[in-house]
Amino acid sequence: MQFDQLKRREFITLLGSAALTWPLAVRGQQSQTPIVGFVDGGSSNARRAAAFHGGLNETGYVEGQNVTVEYHWLDGQYDRLPSLMADLVRRVAVIATPVSNPASLAAKAATTTVPIVFGVGEDPVKLRLVASLARPGGNATGINFFGQEVVAKRLGLLHELVPKAVRIAVLVNPANVQVAETTLRDTSEAARVLGLQTHTLKASTSEEIEAAFATLLRDRADALFVAGDAFFVSRRVQFATLTARHAIPAIYSVREYVEAGGLMSYGTDDLNRFRQAGIYTGQILRGAKPADLPVMQSTKFEFLINLVTARALGLEVPPTLLARADEVIE
């Protein structure tokens, strides 16, 4: 009898202890700092990270205080995406892919429940990321930055600056399938209208970029059109060096190339895109549903010219072109 009473007391004590401990454990789990998985196709970029961080701040989230951001820079290794996304969906509160079609599509393929904030250069409805721009309807929303819609405009600006250039090399990253395909299609159509010839170059690594330039020189291309791609952006200094060394006029998608010494760029405001992605990420952390957040569309486009580079290439920039530039680097 005494033994049974002792066992009963131990059981009651254990049960009481568990009753006290369980709510504390639950509260501890609920108060854990949320994790955001940030994925970029290029290499580490402090300005992009800072812009994303700034957007989070606008919604009351500060890295290291009430949110943790895991930055994953792919450096062009898009084949890492399936395993990376499989890991992230088990651990994070939101996946942010502010500037990558491949990363956005990989995230969507990996989960129908974890919220995704994407940035894509093509129509996200056609990419099947959302049901509609106004009401995405699923677990993803974000920004459409019209990367492909401005391809013809970009080629036209290059032709305007270098009117004698007839053979245009178009460099794409075959690992970025959707962007590569649409860039080649759109440049081909625009070139036909302008009376230009295009031929394709492909590169997915730094070594392949070097090889592409060797091919470009062998084929005697007059100018270079570089497709929008996060990996290419991370190699902007390499592009500036090679185009200067071989005296090749080139046009790019974002300002970072021109700031690194590239000739000219035309596209949407790159850093504002990351800031907007940060804002949407913060709103979702606060309880907003991606299904109810309309896809934002970039409205600010930037045209930059590097006059120092133009002079080094022996190019005279027409006054009409200078007047239309949003920024001229001298």
Protein backbone atom coordinates (compact mmCIF):
# COMPACT_ATOMS: atom_id res chain seq x y z
CA MET A 1 0.00 0.00 0.00
CA GLN A 2 2.78 2.42 0.94
CA PHE A 3 4.55 1.52 -2.32
CA ASP A 4 1.39 2.27 -4.36
CA GLN A 5 0.92 5.61 -2.58
CA LEU A 6 4.53 6.54 -3.32
CA LYS A 7 4.12 5.69 -7.00
CA ARG A 8 0.91 7.72 -7.13
CA ARG A 9 2.63 10.76 -5.59
CA GLU A 10 5.50 10.48 -8.13
CA PHE A 11 3.02 10.27 -11.00
CA ILE A 12 1.07 13.33 -9.79
CA THR A 13 4.32 15.26 -9.33
CA LEU A 14 5.48 14.32 -12.84
CA LEU A 15 2.12 15.26 -14.35
CA GLY A 16 2.15 18.60 -12.58
CA SER A 17 5.67 19.28 -13.74
CA ALA A 18 4.73 18.46 -17.33
CA ALA A 19 1.68 20.73 -17.11
CA LEU A 20 3.94 23.59 -16.08
CA THR A 21 6.65 22.85 -18.62
CA TRP A 22 4.47 22.27 -21.72
CA PRO A 23 2.97 25.81 -21.90
CA LEU A 24 6.47 27.26 -21.45
CA ALA A 25 7.76 25.13 -24.33
CA VAL A 26 4.89 26.21 -26.56
CA ARG A 27 5.40 29.86 -25.67
CA GLY A 28 9.08 29.45 -26.45
CA GLN A 29 8.28 28.06 -29.90
CA GLN A 30 5.79 30.82 -30.60
CA SER A 31 8.27 33.54 -29.63
CA GLN A 32 11.06 32.22 -31.84
CA THR A 33 12.44 34.79 -34.29
CA PRO A 34 11.01 34.14 -37.77
CA ILE A 35 13.48 33.15 -40.47
CA VAL A 36 13.35 34.53 -44.01
CA GLY A 37 15.11 32.57 -46.75
CA PHE A 38 16.52 35.09 -49.26
CA VAL A 39 17.73 33.59 -52.56
CA ASP A 40 19.64 35.45 -55.30
CA GLY A 41 21.11 33.91 -58.44
CA GLY A 42 24.28 36.02 -58.33
CA SER A 43 27.08 36.50 -55.85
CA SER A 44 26.96 38.36 -52.52
CA ASN A 45 25.73 41.92 -53.07
CA ALA A 46 25.68 44.26 -50.08
CA ARG A 47 23.56 46.92 -51.81
CA ARG A 48 20.81 44.47 -52.71
CA ALA A 49 20.83 43.00 -49.22
CA ALA A 50 20.66 46.50 -47.71
CA ALA A 51 17.71 47.44 -49.94
CA PHE A 52 15.83 44.30 -48.87
CA HIS A 53 16.72 45.02 -45.25
CA GLY A 54 15.41 48.58 -45.68
CA GLY A 55 12.05 47.29 -46.90
CA LEU A 56 11.79 45.00 -43.89
CA ASN A 57 12.56 47.95 -41.63
CA GLU A 58 9.64 49.90 -43.07
CA THR A 59 7.31 47.22 -41.73
CA GLY A 60 8.93 47.13 -38.29
CA TYR A 61 11.30 44.20 -38.79
CA VAL A 62 15.01 44.58 -38.04
CA GLU A 63 17.53 41.87 -38.80
CA GLY A 64 19.10 40.45 -35.67
CA GLN A 65 16.32 41.80 -33.46
CA ASN A 66 12.94 40.39 -34.49
CA VAL A 67 13.75 38.63 -37.76
CA THR A 68 16.59 36.50 -39.13
CA VAL A 69 17.44 36.60 -42.83
CA GLU A 70 19.42 33.76 -44.34
CA TYR A 71 21.09 35.02 -47.52
CA HIS A 72 21.74 32.39 -50.17
CA TRP A 73 23.80 33.63 -53.13
CA LEU A 74 23.85 30.99 -55.87
CA ASP A 75 26.69 32.49 -57.93
CA GLY A 76 24.98 31.16 -61.04
CA GLN A 77 24.67 27.60 -59.72
CA TYR A 78 20.97 27.23 -60.44
CA ASP A 79 21.26 23.44 -60.14
CA ARG A 80 21.45 23.96 -56.36
CA LEU A 81 17.88 25.25 -56.26
CA PRO A 82 15.90 22.01 -55.73
CA SER A 83 17.90 20.93 -52.67
CA LEU A 84 18.08 24.48 -51.29
CA MET A 85 14.32 24.99 -51.56
CA ALA A 86 13.64 21.57 -50.03
CA ASP A 87 15.69 22.67 -47.03
CA LEU A 88 14.14 26.14 -46.75
CA VAL A 89 10.51 25.02 -46.84
CA ARG A 90 11.13 22.99 -43.68
CA ARG A 91 12.52 25.93 -41.70
CA VAL A 92 11.55 29.39 -42.88
CA ALA A 93 8.53 31.64 -42.51
CA VAL A 94 8.91 33.30 -45.93
CA ILE A 95 11.00 32.62 -49.05
CA ALA A 96 12.12 35.79 -50.89
CA THR A 97 13.43 35.56 -54.47
CA PRO A 98 13.45 39.24 -55.52
CA VAL A 99 15.29 38.98 -58.84
CA SER A 100 15.31 35.44 -60.14
CA ASN A 101 12.93 33.55 -62.40
CA PRO A 102 14.64 30.19 -61.70
CA ALA A 103 14.59 30.70 -57.91
CA SER A 104 10.97 31.86 -57.96
CA LEU A 105 9.86 28.86 -60.01
CA ALA A 106 11.87 26.46 -57.84
CA ALA A 107 10.28 27.89 -54.70
CA LYS A 108 6.80 27.51 -56.17
CA ALA A 109 7.57 23.92 -57.17
CA ALA A 110 8.79 23.14 -53.66
CA THR A 111 5.83 24.39 -51.62
CA THR A 112 2.18 25.37 -51.81
CA THR A 113 2.06 26.56 -48.21
CA VAL A 114 5.19 28.57 -47.31
CA PRO A 115 4.71 32.20 -48.47
CA ILE A 116 6.88 33.29 -51.42
CA VAL A 117 7.79 36.87 -52.39
CA PHE A 118 9.18 36.76 -55.92
CA GLY A 119 10.69 39.14 -58.43
CA VAL A 120 10.40 38.04 -62.07
CA GLY A 121 11.05 39.71 -65.40
CA GLU A 122 8.18 37.97 -67.16
CA ASP A 123 4.41 37.81 -66.65
CA PRO A 124 3.97 35.82 -63.40
CA VAL A 125 0.57 34.61 -64.61
CA LYS A 126 2.17 33.01 -67.68
CA LEU A 127 4.85 31.56 -65.40
CA ARG A 128 1.99 30.08 -63.31
CA LEU A 129 3.24 31.71 -60.14
CA VAL A 130 -0.11 33.44 -59.54
CA ALA A 131 -3.70 33.16 -60.74
CA SER A 132 -3.92 36.88 -61.52
CA LEU A 133 -1.99 40.07 -60.82
CA ALA A 134 -4.77 41.61 -58.72
CA ARG A 135 -5.54 38.46 -56.70
CA PRO A 136 -2.62 36.02 -56.75
CA GLY A 137 -4.75 33.40 -55.01
CA GLY A 138 -2.01 31.11 -53.72
CA ASN A 139 1.10 31.23 -51.57
CA ALA A 140 3.10 33.57 -53.84
CA THR A 141 3.13 37.26 -54.72
CA GLY A 142 5.78 39.82 -55.54
CA ILE A 143 7.05 42.12 -58.29
CA ASN A 144 6.99 41.97 -62.08
CA PHE A 145 9.93 44.10 -63.25
CA PHE A 146 9.32 43.76 -67.01
CA GLY A 147 12.77 42.41 -67.78
CA GLN A 148 11.68 40.93 -71.09
CA GLU A 149 9.22 43.62 -72.18
CA VAL A 150 12.09 46.13 -72.49
CA VAL A 151 14.37 43.92 -74.61
CA ALA A 152 13.39 45.64 -77.87
CA LYS A 153 13.81 49.06 -76.29
CA ARG A 154 17.28 48.10 -75.05
CA LEU A 155 18.38 46.90 -78.47
CA GLY A 156 17.03 50.07 -80.05
CA LEU A 157 19.11 52.24 -77.71
CA LEU A 158 22.25 50.27 -78.59
CA HIS A 159 21.50 50.74 -82.29
CA GLU A 160 20.96 54.46 -81.74
CA LEU A 161 24.35 54.87 -80.06
CA VAL A 162 26.22 52.62 -82.50
CA PRO A 163 24.25 52.92 -85.78
CA LYS A 164 27.00 51.28 -87.84
CA ALA A 165 26.89 48.11 -85.73
CA VAL A 166 25.06 45.49 -87.78
CA ARG A 167 26.16 42.18 -86.25
CA ILE A 168 24.93 41.98 -82.66
CA ALA A 169 26.04 39.18 -80.34
CA VAL A 170 23.35 38.25 -77.80
CA LEU A 171 24.73 36.64 -74.64
CA VAL A 172 22.36 34.50 -72.55
CA ASN A 173 22.73 32.17 -69.59
CA PRO A 174 21.34 28.75 -70.65
CA ALA A 175 20.90 27.83 -66.97
CA ASN A 176 18.28 30.61 -66.77
CA VAL A 177 16.02 28.91 -69.28
CA GLN A 178 12.95 31.18 -69.42
CA VAL A 179 14.96 34.41 -69.65
CA ALA A 180 17.34 32.94 -72.24
CA GLU A 181 14.50 31.76 -74.48
CA THR A 182 12.49 34.98 -74.37
CA THR A 183 15.60 37.17 -74.79
CA LEU A 184 16.62 35.31 -77.94
CA ARG A 185 13.10 35.45 -79.32
CA ASP A 186 12.60 39.15 -78.58
CA THR A 187 16.03 40.31 -79.77
CA SER A 188 15.57 38.37 -82.99
CA GLU A 189 12.22 40.07 -83.66
CA ALA A 190 13.53 43.53 -82.76
CA ALA A 191 16.68 43.04 -84.85
CA ARG A 192 14.60 42.15 -87.89
CA VAL A 193 12.67 45.41 -87.56
CA LEU A 194 15.91 47.40 -87.19
CA GLY A 195 17.68 45.61 -90.03
CA LEU A 196 20.26 44.00 -87.74
CA GLN A 197 21.74 40.51 -87.54
CA THR A 198 21.99 38.62 -84.26
CA HIS A 199 23.90 35.54 -83.24
CA THR A 200 23.77 33.72 -79.93
CA LEU A 201 26.45 33.31 -77.30
CA LYS A 202 25.96 31.26 -74.13
CA ALA A 203 27.70 31.33 -70.76
CA SER A 204 26.96 29.99 -67.28
CA THR A 205 30.40 30.45 -65.67
CA SER A 206 33.18 33.03 -65.64
CA GLU A 207 35.26 30.79 -67.88
CA GLU A 208 32.40 30.53 -70.36
CA ILE A 209 32.06 34.33 -70.42
CA GLU A 210 35.74 34.51 -71.43
CA ALA A 211 35.12 31.88 -74.11
CA ALA A 212 32.05 33.78 -75.36
CA PHE A 213 34.17 36.87 -75.90
CA ALA A 214 36.69 34.83 -77.86
CA THR A 215 33.85 33.63 -80.09
CA LEU A 216 32.50 37.16 -80.39
CA LEU A 217 35.87 38.41 -81.64
CA ARG A 218 36.29 35.48 -84.02
CA ASP A 219 32.83 36.10 -85.50
CA ARG A 220 33.56 39.86 -85.72
CA ALA A 221 30.46 41.03 -83.88
CA ASP A 222 30.03 44.81 -83.84
CA ALA A 223 28.30 45.06 -80.45
CA LEU A 224 27.06 42.99 -77.52
CA PHE A 225 23.62 42.62 -75.94
CA VAL A 226 23.77 41.02 -72.47
CA ALA A 227 20.60 39.31 -71.25
CA GLY A 228 19.20 40.10 -67.83
CA ASP A 229 20.57 37.55 -65.38
CA ALA A 230 21.62 37.76 -61.73
CA PHE A 231 24.79 35.75 -62.36
CA PHE A 232 25.80 38.11 -65.17
CA VAL A 233 25.25 41.09 -62.86
CA SER A 234 27.63 39.52 -60.34
CA ARG A 235 30.25 39.41 -63.14
CA ARG A 236 29.80 43.06 -64.12
CA VAL A 237 33.48 43.94 -63.53
CA GLN A 238 34.50 41.07 -65.78
CA PHE A 239 32.18 42.40 -68.49
CA ALA A 240 33.52 45.94 -68.11
CA THR A 241 37.10 44.67 -68.36
CA LEU A 242 36.51 42.46 -71.41
CA THR A 243 34.47 45.01 -73.36
CA ALA A 244 37.10 47.69 -72.69
CA ARG A 245 39.98 45.38 -73.64
CA HIS A 246 38.35 44.36 -76.92
CA ALA A 247 36.60 47.69 -77.66
CA ILE A 248 33.12 46.16 -77.80
CA PRO A 249 30.08 48.44 -77.25
CA ALA A 250 27.60 46.66 -74.98
CA ILE A 251 24.23 47.29 -73.35
CA TYR A 252 22.99 45.75 -70.11
CA SER A 253 19.84 45.42 -68.03
CA VAL A 254 20.70 47.29 -64.78
CA ARG A 255 22.74 50.26 -63.60
CA GLU A 256 25.29 48.20 -61.68
CA TYR A 257 27.07 47.34 -64.94
CA VAL A 258 27.43 51.02 -65.89
CA GLU A 259 28.65 51.95 -62.42
CA ALA A 260 31.32 49.26 -62.85
CA GLY A 261 32.46 50.74 -66.17
CA GLY A 262 29.95 49.29 -68.64
CA LEU A 263 28.76 51.47 -71.51
CA MET A 264 24.98 51.73 -71.05
CA SER A 265 21.96 50.10 -69.41
CA TYR A 266 18.20 50.26 -69.59
CA GLY A 267 15.76 48.60 -67.22
CA THR A 268 13.76 49.00 -64.05
CA ASP A 269 15.15 50.39 -60.80
CA ASP A 270 17.02 47.37 -59.45
CA LEU A 271 17.40 48.35 -55.79
CA ASN A 272 13.81 49.54 -55.46
CA ARG A 273 12.73 46.04 -56.47
CA PHE A 274 14.59 44.58 -53.47
CA ARG A 275 13.12 47.20 -51.17
CA GLN A 276 9.60 46.35 -52.34
CA ALA A 277 10.28 42.65 -51.80
CA GLY A 278 11.38 43.47 -48.26
CA ILE A 279 8.16 45.38 -47.63
CA TYR A 280 5.97 42.51 -48.82
CA THR A 281 8.02 40.04 -46.77
CA GLY A 282 7.47 42.16 -43.66
CA GLN A 283 3.75 42.48 -44.32
CA ILE A 284 3.45 38.69 -44.64
CA LEU A 285 5.36 38.22 -41.38
CA ARG A 286 2.78 40.51 -39.80
CA GLY A 287 -0.05 38.28 -40.97
CA ALA A 288 -0.91 39.36 -44.52
CA LYS A 289 -1.65 36.54 -46.96
CA PRO A 290 0.18 36.39 -50.30
CA ALA A 291 -3.13 35.46 -51.94
CA ASP A 292 -4.49 38.91 -51.04
CA LEU A 293 -1.42 41.02 -51.90
CA PRO A 294 -1.56 42.14 -55.56
CA VAL A 295 1.53 41.65 -57.69
CA MET A 296 3.38 44.96 -57.91
CA GLN A 297 4.57 46.18 -61.29
CA SER A 298 7.71 48.26 -61.67
CA THR A 299 6.97 51.74 -62.97
CA LYS A 300 10.39 53.39 -62.82
CA PHE A 301 12.77 52.70 -65.69
CA GLU A 302 16.38 53.89 -65.79
CA PHE A 303 18.59 54.69 -68.76
CA LEU A 304 22.26 55.17 -67.87
CA ILE A 305 25.24 56.08 -70.06
CA ASN A 306 28.89 55.99 -69.04
CA LEU A 307 30.50 58.82 -71.02
CA VAL A 308 33.99 57.84 -69.87
CA THR A 309 33.53 54.42 -71.43
CA ALA A 310 31.94 55.88 -74.56
CA ARG A 311 34.96 58.15 -75.12
CA ALA A 312 37.36 55.26 -74.51
CA LEU A 313 35.50 53.31 -77.23
CA GLY A 314 35.68 56.28 -79.58
CA LEU A 315 31.91 56.76 -79.55
CA GLU A 316 30.21 60.12 -79.80
CA VAL A 317 26.94 60.06 -77.89
CA PRO A 318 24.19 61.95 -79.76
CA PRO A 319 22.79 64.92 -77.77
CA THR A 320 19.28 63.49 -78.18
CA LEU A 321 20.39 60.30 -76.46
CA LEU A 322 22.13 62.18 -73.65
CA ALA A 323 18.99 64.23 -73.09
CA ARG A 324 16.96 61.08 -72.52
CA ALA A 325 19.42 59.53 -70.09
CA ASP A 326 18.33 59.43 -66.46
CA GLU A 327 21.96 59.47 -65.37
CA VAL A 328 25.23 60.18 -67.16
CA ILE A 329 28.51 59.05 -65.59
CA GLU A 330 31.35 61.40 -66.52
